[in-house]
Protein backbone atom coordinates (compact mmCIF):
# COMPACT_ATOMS: atom_id res chain seq x y z
CA MET A 1 91.30 114.43 113.99
CA LEU A 2 91.05 117.38 116.35
CA GLU A 3 90.27 119.76 113.52
CA SER A 4 87.47 117.59 112.14
CA LEU A 5 85.95 117.27 115.61
CA ARG A 6 86.20 121.01 116.13
CA ASN A 7 84.27 121.45 112.90
CA PHE A 8 81.78 118.85 114.07
CA LEU A 9 81.43 120.36 117.53
CA SER A 10 81.33 124.06 116.70
CA GLY A 11 79.16 124.84 119.69
CA LYS A 12 77.38 121.95 121.35
CA ARG A 13 76.29 119.24 118.97
CA VAL A 14 72.89 119.30 120.66
CA ILE A 15 72.17 122.31 118.46
CA VAL A 16 73.02 120.22 115.42
CA ILE A 17 70.90 117.35 116.65
CA THR A 18 67.96 119.64 117.24
CA ALA A 19 68.29 120.91 113.68
CA LEU A 20 68.25 117.33 112.41
CA LEU A 21 64.71 116.96 113.67
CA ALA A 22 63.57 119.38 110.99
CA ILE A 23 65.05 117.23 108.24
CA PRO A 24 62.77 114.63 106.60
CA PHE A 25 63.51 111.21 108.04
CA VAL A 26 64.18 109.80 104.57
CA PHE A 27 67.28 112.01 104.28
CA LEU A 28 68.81 110.23 107.24
CA GLY A 29 67.85 106.87 105.85
CA SER A 30 65.77 105.97 108.89
CA GLN A 31 62.14 105.00 109.04
CA SER A 32 59.32 106.92 110.63
CA PHE A 33 57.63 103.86 112.07
CA GLY A 34 60.28 102.03 114.05
CA THR A 35 63.89 102.17 115.11
CA ILE A 36 66.68 100.80 112.96
CA SER A 37 68.94 98.63 115.08
CA ALA A 38 71.65 97.65 112.59
CA THR A 39 75.18 97.54 114.01
CA TYR A 40 78.41 98.15 112.16
CA GLY A 41 81.07 96.96 114.57
CA THR A 42 83.09 98.95 117.10
CA VAL A 43 85.83 101.58 117.41
CA ASN A 44 87.89 101.30 120.61
CA GLY A 45 85.04 99.24 122.03
CA GLU A 46 82.41 101.90 121.26
CA PRO A 47 79.55 100.32 119.25
CA VAL A 48 78.69 101.89 115.88
CA SER A 49 74.97 101.96 115.10
CA GLN A 50 72.80 103.02 112.18
CA MET A 51 72.23 106.31 114.00
CA ASP A 52 76.01 106.95 114.07
CA VAL A 53 76.18 106.28 110.33
CA ASN A 54 73.25 108.63 109.69
CA LEU A 55 74.78 111.45 111.73
CA ALA A 56 78.21 111.02 110.17
CA THR A 57 76.65 110.98 106.70
CA ASN A 58 74.75 114.17 107.44
CA GLN A 59 77.84 115.89 108.87
CA ILE A 60 80.00 114.98 105.85
CA SER A 61 77.23 116.09 103.49
CA GLN A 62 76.82 119.47 105.22
CA ARG A 63 80.58 120.03 105.34
CA LEU A 64 80.96 119.34 101.62
CA LYS A 65 77.98 121.55 100.80
CA SER A 66 79.65 124.41 102.64
CA ILE A 67 82.62 123.95 100.30
CA TYR A 68 80.98 123.08 96.96
CA GLY A 69 77.52 124.67 97.31
CA GLU A 70 74.06 123.50 98.29
CA ASP A 71 73.60 121.52 95.06
CA PHE A 72 76.40 119.14 96.04
CA SER A 73 75.39 115.58 96.93
CA LEU A 74 77.36 112.66 98.33
CA ASP A 75 75.96 110.70 95.39
CA ASP A 76 78.26 112.80 93.17
CA LEU A 77 81.25 111.00 94.69
CA ASP A 78 82.47 107.46 94.00
CA GLU A 79 81.05 105.05 96.55
CA GLU A 80 84.54 104.20 97.82
CA VAL A 81 85.30 107.88 98.45
CA SER A 82 82.00 108.70 100.20
CA VAL A 83 82.15 105.57 102.37
CA GLY A 84 85.76 106.43 103.26
CA LEU A 85 84.77 109.93 104.39
CA ILE A 86 81.88 108.59 106.48
CA LYS A 87 84.09 105.88 107.97
CA ASN A 88 86.78 108.37 109.00
CA GLU A 89 84.16 110.64 110.56
CA ILE A 90 82.80 107.74 112.63
CA ILE A 91 86.29 106.61 113.67
CA ASN A 92 87.22 110.14 114.79
CA GLN A 93 84.04 110.59 116.81
CA LYS A 94 84.17 107.17 118.45
CA THR A 95 87.90 107.41 119.20
CA LEU A 96 87.41 110.69 121.04
CA LEU A 97 84.31 109.33 122.74
CA SER A 98 86.26 106.36 124.09
CA HIS A 99 88.94 108.71 125.46
CA ALA A 100 86.28 110.92 127.04
CA ARG A 101 84.99 107.83 128.80
CA GLU A 102 88.50 106.80 129.92
CA LEU A 103 89.22 110.29 131.26
CA GLY A 104 86.02 110.35 133.29
CA LEU A 105 84.48 113.09 131.15
CA PHE A 106 81.44 111.06 130.12
CA VAL A 107 78.37 112.88 131.43
CA SER A 108 75.56 111.20 133.34
CA GLU A 109 72.14 110.32 131.97
CA LYS A 110 70.67 112.85 134.39
CA THR A 111 72.80 115.64 132.88
CA ALA A 112 71.71 114.63 129.37
CA LYS A 113 68.03 114.68 130.38
CA LYS A 114 68.44 118.19 131.80
CA GLU A 115 69.82 119.30 128.44
CA VAL A 116 66.94 117.67 126.56
CA ILE A 117 64.35 119.35 128.79
CA ASN A 118 65.72 122.77 127.75
CA ILE A 119 65.58 122.18 123.98
CA ASP A 120 63.05 124.54 122.36
CA THR A 121 61.70 121.86 120.01
CA PHE A 122 60.21 119.96 122.95
CA GLN A 123 58.54 122.89 124.70
CA GLY A 124 54.74 122.98 125.00
CA GLU A 125 52.50 125.62 126.54
CA ASN A 126 53.57 124.67 130.05
CA GLY A 127 57.25 123.92 129.42
CA PHE A 128 58.75 120.56 128.49
CA ASP A 129 56.13 118.31 126.84
CA GLN A 130 56.91 114.62 127.26
CA MET A 131 54.39 113.54 124.60
CA LEU A 132 55.78 116.06 122.11
CA PHE A 133 59.28 114.84 122.87
CA GLU A 134 58.45 111.17 122.32
CA SER A 135 56.37 111.72 119.16
CA THR A 136 59.06 113.93 117.62
CA ILE A 137 61.88 111.51 118.41
CA ARG A 138 60.01 108.44 117.21
CA ALA A 139 58.96 110.21 114.01
CA ASN A 140 62.69 110.60 113.26
CA GLY A 141 63.39 106.92 113.69
CA TRP A 142 64.84 106.98 117.22
CA THR A 143 63.64 105.82 120.58
CA PRO A 144 63.78 108.31 123.47
CA GLU A 145 66.50 106.21 125.08
CA GLU A 146 68.65 106.35 121.92
CA TYR A 147 68.22 110.11 121.68
CA ILE A 148 69.20 110.68 125.31
CA GLU A 149 72.29 108.49 124.79
CA LEU A 150 73.13 110.57 121.72
CA VAL A 151 72.91 113.75 123.80
CA ARG A 152 75.14 112.11 126.47
CA GLU A 153 77.77 111.38 123.83
CA THR A 154 77.49 114.89 122.43
CA LEU A 155 77.95 116.58 125.79
CA SER A 156 80.86 114.25 126.60
CA LEU A 157 82.64 115.11 123.34
CA ASP A 158 81.98 118.81 123.91
CA LYS A 159 83.46 118.48 127.38
CA LEU A 160 86.55 116.72 126.04
CA ILE A 161 87.11 119.23 123.23
CA SER A 162 86.70 122.13 125.65
CA ALA A 163 89.26 120.58 127.98
CA LEU A 164 91.69 120.07 125.12
CA GLY A 165 91.15 123.61 123.87
CA VAL A 166 92.24 125.04 127.23
CA ALA A 167 95.65 123.44 126.72
CA SER A 168 96.20 125.11 123.35
CA PHE A 169 96.17 128.89 123.51
CA PRO A 170 98.62 131.64 122.54
CA ILE A 171 100.50 133.62 125.21
CA ASP A 172 101.30 137.25 124.42
CA THR A 173 104.89 136.99 125.57
CA GLU A 174 105.44 133.91 123.38
CA ILE A 175 104.12 135.73 120.31
CA GLU A 176 106.32 138.75 121.10
CA ASP A 177 109.36 136.46 121.47
CA LEU A 178 108.57 134.84 118.11
CA VAL A 179 108.17 138.22 116.39
CA SER A 180 111.37 139.51 117.94
CA MET A 181 113.28 136.45 116.72
CA LEU A 182 111.89 136.61 113.17
CA GLU A 183 112.34 140.38 112.84
CA THR A 184 115.92 140.43 114.16
CA SER A 185 118.41 141.12 111.37
CA ARG A 186 122.15 140.85 110.86
CA ASP A 187 124.72 142.06 108.35
CA ILE A 188 126.41 139.06 106.74
CA ASP A 189 129.79 138.81 104.97
CA PHE A 190 130.30 135.49 103.25
CA ILE A 191 132.37 133.53 100.76
CA LYS A 192 130.78 131.05 98.40
CA VAL A 193 132.42 128.28 96.41
CA ASP A 194 130.34 127.03 93.48
CA LYS A 195 131.32 123.36 93.67
CA ASN A 196 130.16 122.36 90.16
CA THR A 197 132.05 125.26 88.58
CA LEU A 198 135.21 124.46 90.56
CA VAL A 199 135.07 120.78 89.59
CA SER A 200 134.58 121.61 85.90
CA GLN A 201 137.68 123.86 85.98
CA GLN A 202 139.98 120.99 87.00
CA GLU A 203 142.10 119.13 84.46
CA ALA A 204 142.34 115.34 84.70
CA SER A 205 144.11 112.90 82.36
CA LEU A 206 143.24 109.35 81.41
CA GLU A 207 146.29 108.17 83.37
CA GLU A 208 145.06 109.94 86.51
CA GLY A 209 141.67 108.33 86.02
CA GLN A 210 143.30 104.89 85.70
CA GLN A 211 145.30 105.45 88.89
CA PHE A 212 142.17 106.53 90.81
CA TYR A 213 140.33 103.49 89.47
CA ASP A 214 143.12 101.14 90.60
CA ASN A 215 143.19 102.69 94.09
CA ASN A 216 139.38 102.73 94.58
CA PRO A 217 137.97 99.70 92.74
CA PHE A 218 134.88 99.37 94.97
CA LEU A 219 133.66 102.78 93.87
CA PHE A 220 133.07 101.25 90.46
CA LEU A 221 130.95 98.23 91.31
CA SER A 222 128.19 97.36 88.89
CA LYS A 223 124.60 97.23 90.16
CA GLU A 224 123.00 93.93 91.07
CA GLN A 225 120.93 92.51 88.22
CA ARG A 226 117.95 90.21 88.44
CA ASP A 227 115.89 88.27 85.93
CA PHE A 228 112.23 87.46 86.58
CA SER A 229 109.70 85.21 84.90
CA TYR A 230 106.09 86.11 85.60
CA LEU A 231 102.49 85.23 84.83
CA LEU A 232 99.81 87.94 84.76
CA LEU A 233 96.07 87.75 85.31
CA THR A 234 94.53 90.99 84.07
CA TYR A 235 90.93 92.14 84.11
CA GLU A 236 91.17 93.46 80.55
CA ALA A 237 92.40 90.10 79.25
CA TYR A 238 89.52 88.23 80.89
CA LYS A 239 86.96 90.65 79.44
CA LYS A 240 87.95 89.35 76.00
CA GLN A 241 87.12 85.80 77.10
CA VAL A 242 83.53 86.51 78.11
CA GLU A 243 80.88 84.92 75.89
CA VAL A 244 77.52 86.68 75.73
CA PRO A 245 74.54 84.24 75.78
CA GLU A 246 71.97 84.42 73.03
CA ASP A 247 68.99 86.65 73.78
CA TYR A 248 70.89 88.08 76.79
CA ILE A 249 70.07 91.72 75.95
CA ASN A 250 66.33 91.01 75.77
CA GLU A 251 66.30 89.20 79.10
CA ALA A 252 68.49 91.80 80.79
CA TYR A 253 66.33 94.62 79.50
CA SER A 254 63.24 92.93 80.90
CA ASP A 255 64.95 92.71 84.30
CA TYR A 256 65.90 96.38 83.96
CA LEU A 257 62.26 97.35 83.37
CA SER A 258 61.18 95.37 86.42
CA ASN A 259 63.81 97.03 88.58
CA VAL A 260 62.92 100.50 87.31
CA GLN A 261 59.29 99.95 88.17
CA GLY A 262 60.39 99.10 91.68
CA GLN A 263 62.24 102.41 91.92
CA MET A 264 59.04 104.48 91.75
CA GLN A 265 58.64 106.66 94.84
CA ASN A 266 55.47 107.99 96.41
CA ARG A 267 55.14 110.88 98.84
CA LEU A 268 52.38 110.67 101.44
CA SER A 269 50.77 113.06 103.85
CA HIS A 270 48.48 111.83 106.60
CA LEU A 271 45.96 112.94 109.15
CA MET A 272 46.28 110.88 112.31
CA ILE A 273 44.01 110.24 115.26
CA ASP A 274 45.72 108.66 118.31
CA LYS A 275 43.42 106.06 119.90
CA SER A 276 44.99 106.67 123.32
CA ASN A 277 43.52 110.19 123.36
CA TYR A 278 39.97 108.79 123.44
CA GLU A 279 37.98 106.79 125.96
CA SER A 280 37.42 104.01 123.44
CA ALA A 281 38.50 102.91 119.97
CA SER A 282 34.97 103.48 118.70
CA LEU A 283 35.00 107.12 119.80
CA ALA A 284 38.37 107.56 118.09
CA TYR A 285 36.90 106.07 114.92
CA GLU A 286 33.85 108.36 115.10
CA ALA A 287 36.19 111.36 115.34
CA ILE A 288 38.18 110.48 112.23
CA ASP A 289 35.09 109.32 110.36
CA SER A 290 33.53 112.76 110.85
CA ILE A 291 36.68 114.38 109.48
CA TYR A 292 36.76 111.92 106.56
CA LYS A 293 33.16 112.73 105.58
CA SER A 294 33.90 116.46 105.71
CA ILE A 295 36.85 115.96 103.36
CA GLN A 296 34.83 113.79 101.00
CA SER A 297 31.99 116.33 100.85
CA LYS A 298 34.58 119.07 100.26
CA GLU A 299 33.42 120.99 103.32
CA ILE A 300 37.10 121.19 104.28
CA SER A 301 40.33 120.53 102.40
CA PHE A 302 42.64 117.73 103.46
CA GLU A 303 45.37 120.25 104.32
CA ASP A 304 43.06 122.34 106.52
CA ALA A 305 41.78 119.18 108.19
CA VAL A 306 45.38 118.15 109.02
CA SER A 307 46.17 121.58 110.41
CA LYS A 308 43.02 121.57 112.52
CA SER A 309 42.62 117.97 113.65
CA SER A 310 45.75 115.80 113.12
CA GLU A 311 47.20 114.46 116.37
CA ASP A 312 50.63 113.69 114.91
CA LEU A 313 52.49 116.71 116.29
CA ALA A 314 55.69 115.80 114.44
CA SER A 315 54.13 116.13 110.96
CA LYS A 316 51.17 118.43 111.59
CA ASP A 317 53.02 121.69 110.84
CA ALA A 318 54.36 120.19 107.59
CA GLY A 319 50.87 119.41 106.30
CA GLY A 320 51.11 115.83 107.54
CA ASP A 321 54.06 115.05 105.24
CA LEU A 322 55.60 111.62 105.82
CA GLY A 323 58.21 111.74 103.09
CA LEU A 324 58.92 109.33 100.23
CA SER A 325 58.71 105.56 99.96
CA SER A 326 59.62 103.17 97.19
CA GLY A 327 57.38 100.49 98.64
CA ASP A 328 58.87 99.54 101.98
CA ALA A 329 59.31 102.65 104.16
CA PHE A 330 55.67 103.02 105.28
CA PRO A 331 53.56 100.50 107.22
CA GLU A 332 52.27 97.65 105.10
CA GLU A 333 48.70 99.02 105.33
CA PHE A 334 49.86 102.34 103.85
CA GLU A 335 51.79 100.67 101.04
CA ARG A 336 48.73 98.60 100.05
CA ALA A 337 46.52 101.69 100.01
CA ILE A 338 48.95 103.53 97.73
CA LEU A 339 48.46 100.90 95.03
CA SER A 340 44.85 101.98 94.49
CA MET A 341 45.38 105.73 94.89
CA GLU A 342 45.81 108.38 92.21
CA LEU A 343 47.91 111.52 92.58
CA ASN A 344 46.29 114.04 95.00
CA SER A 345 43.59 111.54 95.99
CA THR A 346 42.82 110.57 99.58
CA SER A 347 42.40 107.12 101.03
CA SER A 348 39.64 105.67 103.12
CA ILE A 349 40.26 105.39 106.87
CA ILE A 350 43.20 103.09 107.66
CA GLU A 351 43.50 101.54 111.09
CA LEU A 352 46.80 100.62 112.74
CA GLU A 353 47.22 99.12 116.19
CA ASP A 354 47.40 102.45 118.04
CA SER A 355 46.16 104.98 115.51
CA LEU A 356 43.78 105.83 112.67
CA HIS A 357 44.84 107.56 109.45
CA ILE A 358 43.61 109.28 106.31
CA LEU A 359 46.26 109.39 103.59
CA LYS A 360 46.84 111.71 100.65
CA LEU A 361 49.17 110.83 97.78
CA THR A 362 50.96 114.17 97.15
CA GLU A 363 53.77 113.22 94.75
CA VAL A 364 54.73 110.35 92.45
CA ILE A 365 58.32 110.20 91.23
CA LYS A 366 58.77 107.92 88.26
CA PRO A 367 62.28 107.05 87.09
CA GLN A 368 63.19 107.81 83.50
CA ILE A 369 62.99 104.61 81.48
CA LYS A 370 65.65 104.21 78.79
CA THR A 371 64.98 102.38 75.53
CA LYS A 372 66.53 99.01 74.80
CA ALA A 373 68.82 100.67 72.27
CA GLU A 374 70.02 103.09 74.92
CA MET A 375 70.56 100.32 77.48
CA SER A 376 72.09 97.63 75.27
CA GLN A 377 75.73 98.68 75.62
CA GLU A 378 75.37 99.38 79.34
CA LEU A 379 73.81 95.96 79.95
CA LEU A 380 76.47 94.30 77.85
CA ASN A 381 79.24 96.07 79.77
CA GLU A 382 77.72 95.02 83.09
CA LEU A 383 77.72 91.38 82.01
CA VAL A 384 81.26 91.47 80.65
CA ASP A 385 82.62 93.25 83.73
CA ALA A 386 80.96 90.85 86.16
CA GLU A 387 81.88 87.70 84.22
CA ALA A 388 85.48 88.85 83.67
CA LEU A 389 85.94 89.49 87.36
CA ALA A 390 84.46 86.10 88.23
CA LEU A 391 86.67 84.27 85.70
CA MET A 392 89.78 86.04 86.94
CA GLN A 393 88.97 85.31 90.58
CA ASP A 394 88.36 81.64 89.79
CA ASP A 395 91.74 81.34 88.08
CA PHE A 396 93.48 83.26 90.86
CA ILE A 397 92.09 80.95 93.54
CA GLU A 398 93.16 77.91 91.52
CA LEU A 399 96.69 79.26 90.94
CA GLU A 400 97.08 80.33 94.56
CA SER A 401 96.28 76.79 95.66
CA LEU A 402 98.82 75.37 93.21
CA VAL A 403 101.51 77.74 94.48
CA LEU A 404 100.90 76.46 98.01
CA GLU A 405 101.33 72.93 96.67
CA GLY A 406 104.75 73.92 95.33
CA VAL A 407 104.20 73.58 91.57
CA THR A 408 106.41 75.37 89.03
CA LEU A 409 105.57 78.60 87.21
CA ASN A 410 105.30 76.60 83.96
CA ALA A 411 102.72 74.33 85.59
CA LEU A 412 100.72 77.42 86.63
CA ALA A 413 100.76 78.73 83.08
CA ASP A 414 99.72 75.35 81.65
CA SER A 415 96.81 75.05 84.09
CA ILE A 416 95.12 78.18 82.68
CA ASP A 417 96.66 78.07 79.17
CA ALA A 418 98.53 81.35 79.65
CA SER A 419 101.97 82.54 78.54
CA ILE A 420 104.94 83.41 80.75
CA GLN A 421 106.77 86.73 80.33
CA VAL A 422 110.38 87.50 81.27
CA THR A 423 112.13 90.72 82.25
CA GLY A 424 115.65 89.73 81.25
CA LEU A 425 118.58 90.74 83.45
CA GLN A 426 117.92 94.27 84.70
CA ASP A 427 119.20 96.45 87.53
CA ILE A 428 116.93 98.19 90.03
CA GLU A 429 116.53 101.22 87.76
CA GLY A 430 115.48 99.27 84.68
CA ILE A 431 113.40 96.43 86.11
CA LYS A 432 109.64 96.37 85.46
CA LEU A 433 106.81 93.94 84.79
CA ASN A 434 105.07 94.82 81.55
CA GLY A 435 101.33 95.17 82.10
CA PHE A 436 101.60 95.28 85.89
CA SER A 437 102.29 98.64 87.54
CA ASN A 438 101.38 97.73 91.13
CA ILE A 439 104.89 96.62 92.07
CA THR A 440 107.97 98.78 92.56
CA SER A 441 111.53 98.01 91.57
CA SER A 442 112.44 98.14 95.27
CA GLU A 443 109.99 95.32 95.96
CA LEU A 444 111.51 93.20 93.20
CA PHE A 445 115.00 93.81 94.62
CA ASP A 446 113.96 93.18 98.22
CA PRO A 447 116.46 90.83 99.94
CA SER A 448 113.56 88.57 100.99
CA ILE A 449 112.91 87.61 97.34
CA LEU A 450 114.43 84.15 96.86
CA PRO A 451 115.43 82.40 93.60
CA ASN A 452 112.86 79.98 92.09
CA LYS A 453 110.21 80.88 94.69
CA ILE A 454 106.89 82.14 93.34
CA GLU A 455 105.70 85.41 94.88
CA ILE A 456 102.12 86.66 94.44
CA PHE A 457 101.37 90.36 94.00
CA GLU A 458 97.91 91.92 93.82
CA GLY A 459 97.08 94.98 91.72
CA ASP A 460 93.95 97.08 91.29
CA GLU A 461 92.51 94.82 88.60
CA SER A 462 95.21 92.22 88.16
CA TYR A 463 97.44 89.64 89.82
CA ALA A 464 101.09 88.75 89.18
CA PHE A 465 102.79 85.42 89.92
CA VAL A 466 106.49 86.29 89.92
CA MET A 467 109.60 84.12 90.20
CA MET A 468 113.24 85.30 90.25
CA THR A 469 115.20 83.01 87.92
CA GLN A 470 118.68 84.57 87.90
CA THR A 471 120.81 87.10 89.78
CA LEU A 472 124.12 88.76 89.00
CA GLN A 473 125.90 90.16 92.04
CA PRO A 474 127.78 93.49 91.79
CA THR A 475 131.30 93.22 90.33
CA VAL A 476 134.04 95.76 89.61
CA GLN A 477 133.42 97.15 86.15
CA SER A 478 136.24 97.36 83.62
CA PHE A 479 138.05 100.69 83.43
CA GLY A 480 136.90 101.12 79.82
CA ASN A 481 133.29 101.21 80.96
CA VAL A 482 133.85 103.70 83.79
CA ALA A 483 136.73 105.85 82.53
CA ASP A 484 134.61 109.01 82.36
CA LEU A 485 133.33 108.43 85.90
CA ALA A 486 136.90 107.87 87.20
CA ILE A 487 138.13 111.07 85.53
CA GLN A 488 135.21 113.00 87.06
CA GLU A 489 136.15 111.63 90.48
CA VAL A 490 139.71 112.89 89.94
CA ARG A 491 138.36 116.37 89.15
CA ASN A 492 136.22 116.23 92.27
CA GLU A 493 139.22 115.25 94.41
CA LYS A 494 141.27 118.13 93.04
CA ALA A 495 138.42 120.56 93.77
CA ASN A 496 138.22 119.26 97.35
CA MET A 497 141.96 119.75 97.77
CA ILE A 498 141.66 123.38 96.67
CA ILE A 499 138.81 123.93 99.13
CA ASN A 500 140.76 122.29 101.97
CA ASP A 501 143.84 124.41 101.23
CA PHE A 502 141.67 127.54 101.23
CA ILE A 503 140.13 126.84 104.64
CA GLU A 504 143.21 128.20 106.44
CA ASP A 505 142.80 131.58 104.69
CA VAL A 506 138.99 131.87 104.88
CA GLU A 507 138.72 134.09 107.94
CA GLY A 508 141.48 136.37 106.71
CA VAL A 509 139.69 136.76 103.34
CA ILE A 510 136.37 137.62 105.02
CA ASP A 511 138.15 140.14 107.30
CA GLY A 512 139.93 141.68 104.29
CA GLU A 513 143.41 140.56 105.34
CA ASN A 514 143.89 137.97 102.55
CA LEU A 515 142.96 137.93 98.88
CA LEU A 516 140.24 135.74 97.42
CA PRO A 517 141.60 133.01 95.08
CA ASN A 518 141.50 134.13 91.46
CA LEU A 519 139.05 131.41 90.40
CA ASN A 520 135.59 131.84 88.86
CA ALA A 521 134.10 129.46 91.42
CA PHE A 522 135.04 131.73 94.37
CA SER A 523 132.99 134.80 95.26
CA LYS A 524 132.77 137.17 98.23
CA GLU A 525 129.67 139.23 99.04
CA SER A 526 128.06 141.25 101.83
CA TYR A 527 124.36 141.61 102.65
CA LYS A 528 122.84 144.16 105.02
CA GLY A 529 119.86 143.62 107.33
CA VAL A 530 119.28 139.94 106.57
CA LYS A 531 116.39 138.28 108.50
CA ARG A 532 115.85 134.60 109.32
CA PHE A 533 113.39 134.01 106.48
CA SER A 534 115.50 135.74 103.83
CA SER A 535 115.89 134.02 100.46
CA LEU A 536 119.24 135.71 99.77
CA LEU A 537 121.07 132.61 101.05
CA PRO A 538 120.09 128.94 101.30
CA SER A 539 117.94 128.27 104.38
CA GLU A 540 120.47 125.86 105.88
CA ILE A 541 123.14 128.59 105.71
CA ILE A 542 120.85 131.27 107.18
CA ASN A 543 119.89 128.95 110.05
CA SER A 544 123.55 128.21 110.86
CA ILE A 545 124.38 131.93 110.93
CA PHE A 546 121.51 132.90 113.25
CA GLU A 547 122.17 129.93 115.55
CA SER A 548 125.77 131.11 116.06
CA PRO A 549 127.04 134.11 118.06
CA ILE A 550 127.84 137.38 116.27
CA ALA A 551 131.31 137.48 114.60
CA THR A 552 131.66 133.69 114.70
CA LEU A 553 132.97 132.07 111.52
CA VAL A 554 130.31 129.70 110.28
CA ALA A 555 131.10 126.99 107.73
CA ASN A 556 128.38 124.96 106.04
CA GLU A 557 127.59 123.05 102.87
CA ALA A 558 124.37 123.70 100.93
CA PHE A 559 122.18 120.85 99.70
CA ASN A 560 123.65 121.22 96.16
CA GLY A 561 127.26 120.87 97.37
CA ASP A 562 128.21 124.55 97.32
CA ARG A 563 130.41 125.63 100.24
CA TYR A 564 129.81 128.73 102.39
CA TRP A 565 131.81 130.53 105.06
CA ALA A 566 130.11 133.46 106.76
CA LYS A 567 130.44 135.99 109.57
CA SER A 568 127.61 138.12 110.91
CA SER A 569 127.70 141.55 112.53
CA ASN A 570 125.50 144.47 113.56
CA GLU A 571 122.61 142.46 115.00
CA SER A 572 119.52 144.67 115.02
CA PHE A 573 116.48 143.99 117.21
CA PRO A 574 113.06 145.48 116.45
CA LEU A 575 112.10 148.52 118.51
CA THR A 576 109.16 148.31 120.92
CA GLU A 577 106.94 150.23 118.50
CA GLU A 578 107.97 148.01 115.59
CA LEU A 579 107.35 144.92 117.71
CA SER A 580 103.79 146.02 118.51
CA GLU A 581 103.07 146.71 114.85
CA SER A 582 104.36 143.26 113.80
CA VAL A 583 102.55 141.20 116.46
CA GLU A 584 99.24 141.38 114.61
CA GLN A 585 100.97 140.41 111.36
CA TYR A 586 102.38 137.24 112.91
CA GLN A 587 99.32 136.38 115.05
CA GLY A 588 97.74 134.13 112.42
CA PHE A 589 101.05 132.42 111.67
CA TYR A 590 101.64 131.71 115.35
CA ASN A 591 98.12 130.42 115.98
CA GLU A 592 98.25 128.14 112.95
CA SER A 593 101.63 126.78 113.99
CA LEU A 594 100.43 126.21 117.56
CA THR A 595 97.25 124.51 116.38
CA GLN A 596 99.15 122.21 114.00
CA GLN A 597 101.58 121.18 116.72
CA PHE A 598 98.80 120.56 119.24
CA SER A 599 96.55 118.77 116.75
CA GLY A 600 99.44 116.53 115.75
CA PHE A 601 100.10 115.69 119.38
CA ILE A 602 96.43 114.90 120.05
CA ASP A 603 96.15 112.87 116.86
CA ARG A 604 99.17 110.73 117.76
CA ALA A 605 98.12 110.34 121.39
CA PHE A 606 94.52 109.39 120.65
CA LYS A 607 95.20 107.10 117.71
CA GLU A 608 97.87 105.13 119.55
CA GLY A 609 96.48 101.67 120.14
CA GLN A 610 93.33 102.49 118.20
CA ILE A 611 91.20 99.39 117.56
CA VAL A 612 88.82 99.67 114.60
CA ARG A 613 86.43 96.82 113.81
CA LEU A 614 83.97 98.17 111.27
CA GLU A 615 81.97 95.97 108.92
CA ASN A 616 79.12 96.15 106.41
CA LEU A 617 79.67 99.89 105.98
CA THR A 618 78.50 100.87 102.50
CA SER A 619 76.78 103.86 101.01
CA ASN A 620 73.52 101.94 100.65
């Protein structure tokens, strides 16, 4: 969480917000003629608005572009993935925001306004321009109040992150101590016993195996076995049941054509006269009418007229560009005018409540229309997928109700004319439900599973109604079935006895006073100048040696069962010059380790008790 917020708040987010004002409003999904007030729930009591979704979407998009290139688009991802990324971004921001508020780090509205006044975008000839501020903010789909609240949140998060950052910084002496520890070396004399080799060298008879089996019967218990009967509802099976109505393709293709036509997008530019800048509405109309006649007579181009006369400061420098609409982004009067306009043509004067406009249609984006032959399979697949899902859900709801009523598995199968499958008696390693991979063997062998009780499991595109019909508890297996295992246990016991007998002589062997046993599994070696991160010995052995005083006999067992006894000597510390040379080498390692530890602490502390109530969050 901390890392993602650091990425998000590299510098004050006000800088990021200011940059957003240069982005066409359609990118953020907001409208240029009114504020979107949709809500998406809360995180730790902090409300999540459309503006939060827009900002999170933009941040995720920019972050991914920095990784995959400027051509990358969130549309390239599956909807579930992109929504998940946006959701996590919102949760992180709102969680930290709630903690900033709890810690008293939430800045005042007055402080936020001071920050806004200093933003270059809102500066006129005589400093901060209130009219420029309001027109710019509203053109981006926000009210001034919403924008100031956004700046408050930004400054509060920046304040929190700065405070957290102070607590996580490297200290020179700590880095030097770390380098000194990692660069310290020792000479190591050790004895190793290769356990597998020693065991394989031992002789064991059938009689010895029988005796071990008789003395340790519970080491040879069989595994519990269970038998399950189950009924599956699978998406693929229901797809085969779907019946396609006659003339479906023709009707679906007609709907497709209608939808495609509705996907046409038009880009508009406008020249605007603000009625409030004139003594009367008639004078405002005379002003725009004069401009309109000049454009019509070709005395001046539309673009030059916008640059010279438009009173919409937010779009003036962009040639009056308002962005794209597919029929519902612009005011209703604009959308009606578009219907009678050709590409690069201008409209007559259009009057809104507070302003007058001349429009120019600058771009028409028409979707590519596929032929019926090209669309047939796609339309058919859409029908089959939707109908199969509906059929499966209907059956699932019916069966779930019957399970609650206490009917048998056979009755469930009869109600939907399906067949029951069985696993047969299997242990935990062999059990599985054919055609259903969303259940583990551990779940099927969970102690809470009761005989003759139907359990319901949900998969990605399937459901399973499962009932345990039989169990076989562990019993002592016959010697004939486990003879090899019993003989192996005898070999293992003999190897352990040899190791235990050797322990008394270990130190003498390391010191050269006693001889090493004449067995292939025993070896004695010496290494010089071994450091803590050496790969010459298993890490658990190295750690034991360096955690013990010099010349202490250390005994340890490696993860693979091999036994080690070791003594260290000649501990060598890095010289002052060597220490200085190595500090830079370990600086990155230390900082990364410190950051990971601190980030983990912050993540756990901030997410404890986290309350997330998000809804209606989709990529649309």
